[in-house]
């Protein structure tokens, strides 16, 4: 099993980019910086371990069906910190 999650590009046009991310336990996005404002909607309960610059780590549970919004510039690595697969959809606002 690879340590990288599986991103599936669903829409990429002049206004939005929509990507579904599927993670097995322990899989991660890899370090990245968001170039656009974005919204995440959890498809499953998401037990996220957010690795942040400077070594800070935050454990966050996003229940299935919940969503949140962040501004461009966020930099992190998202890891499935739980014991079950997790999935969410990310909508980037161009």
Protein backbone atom coordinates (compact mmCIF):
# COMPACT_ATOMS: atom_id res chain seq x y z
CA UNK A 1 0.00 0.00 0.00
CA UNK A 2 1.28 3.45 -0.89
CA UNK A 3 1.41 6.15 1.78
CA UNK A 4 -0.27 8.68 -0.53
CA UNK A 5 -4.03 9.17 -0.60
CA UNK A 6 -5.95 8.85 -3.86
CA UNK A 7 -7.08 12.17 -5.37
CA UNK A 8 -9.75 12.03 -8.09
CA UNK A 9 -10.20 15.22 -10.11
CA UNK A 10 -13.92 15.72 -10.76
CA UNK A 11 -14.13 19.26 -12.20
CA UNK A 12 -11.42 21.71 -13.25
CA UNK A 13 -12.66 24.76 -15.12
CA UNK A 14 -12.12 28.52 -15.04
CA UNK A 15 -14.10 28.94 -11.77
CA UNK A 16 -13.56 25.86 -9.58
CA UNK A 17 -11.49 22.74 -9.09
CA UNK A 18 -13.31 19.85 -7.36
CA UNK A 19 -11.30 16.89 -6.12
CA UNK A 20 -12.31 13.83 -4.12
CA UNK A 21 -9.65 12.51 -1.73
CA UNK A 22 -9.76 8.90 -0.46
CA UNK A 23 -7.45 7.76 2.35
CA UNK A 24 -6.75 4.40 3.91
CA UNK A 25 -5.57 4.61 7.54
CA UNK A 26 -2.15 6.27 7.69
CA UNK A 27 -2.27 7.64 4.14
CA UNK A 28 -1.55 11.33 3.58
CA UNK A 29 -1.79 14.12 1.05
CA UNK A 30 1.87 15.10 1.34
CA UNK A 31 2.94 18.66 2.17
CA UNK A 32 1.16 21.28 0.09
CA UNK A 33 0.15 24.95 0.09
CA UNK A 34 -3.35 25.91 -1.05
CA UNK A 35 -3.27 28.42 -3.89
CA UNK A 36 -7.03 29.12 -3.67
CA UNK A 37 -9.72 29.55 -1.02
CA UNK A 38 -11.38 26.17 -0.53
CA UNK A 39 -14.25 24.24 1.05
CA UNK A 40 -14.00 20.65 2.33
CA UNK A 41 -17.06 18.40 2.73
CA UNK A 42 -16.54 15.13 4.62
CA UNK A 43 -18.05 12.07 2.93
CA UNK A 44 -17.12 9.84 5.87
CA UNK A 45 -16.10 10.62 9.42
CA UNK A 46 -12.62 12.07 8.93
CA UNK A 47 -10.14 11.65 11.77
CA UNK A 48 -7.55 14.08 10.40
CA UNK A 49 -4.05 14.55 11.72
CA UNK A 50 -2.97 17.94 10.40
CA UNK A 51 0.79 18.41 10.31
CA UNK A 52 1.56 22.13 10.24
CA UNK A 53 4.70 24.17 9.58
CA UNK A 54 7.01 24.38 12.56
CA UNK A 55 6.19 20.85 13.73
CA UNK A 56 2.74 21.56 15.19
CA UNK A 57 0.23 18.70 14.88
CA UNK A 58 -3.55 19.05 15.30
CA UNK A 59 -5.99 16.14 15.62
CA UNK A 60 -9.38 17.04 14.15
CA UNK A 61 -12.57 14.99 13.71
CA UNK A 62 -14.80 16.18 10.86
CA UNK A 63 -18.05 14.18 10.99
CA UNK A 64 -19.55 12.84 7.75
CA UNK A 65 -21.63 15.55 6.09
CA UNK A 66 -19.87 18.44 7.84
CA UNK A 67 -17.88 21.02 5.94
CA UNK A 68 -15.44 23.85 6.58
CA UNK A 69 -13.82 26.68 4.63
CA UNK A 70 -10.24 27.98 4.61
CA UNK A 71 -8.44 30.85 2.88
CA UNK A 72 -5.70 30.43 0.31
CA UNK A 73 -2.19 30.06 1.70
CA UNK A 74 -2.88 27.23 4.16
CA UNK A 75 0.13 24.91 4.25
CA UNK A 76 -0.08 21.41 5.75
CA UNK A 77 0.04 17.65 5.35
CA UNK A 78 -3.28 15.87 5.97
CA UNK A 79 -3.03 12.32 7.35
CA UNK A 80 -5.80 9.82 8.04
CA UNK A 81 -5.16 9.45 11.77
CA UNK A 82 -8.01 7.00 12.26
CA UNK A 83 -8.46 3.25 11.86
CA UNK A 84 -11.07 3.40 9.06
CA UNK A 85 -10.92 4.72 5.49
CA UNK A 86 -11.85 8.39 5.12
CA UNK A 87 -12.96 10.52 2.17
CA UNK A 88 -13.77 14.14 1.51
CA UNK A 89 -14.45 16.45 -1.42
CA UNK A 90 -12.45 19.65 -1.78
CA UNK A 91 -13.82 22.57 -3.81
CA UNK A 92 -11.22 25.21 -4.68
CA UNK A 93 -12.56 28.64 -5.65
CA UNK A 94 -10.46 30.11 -8.45
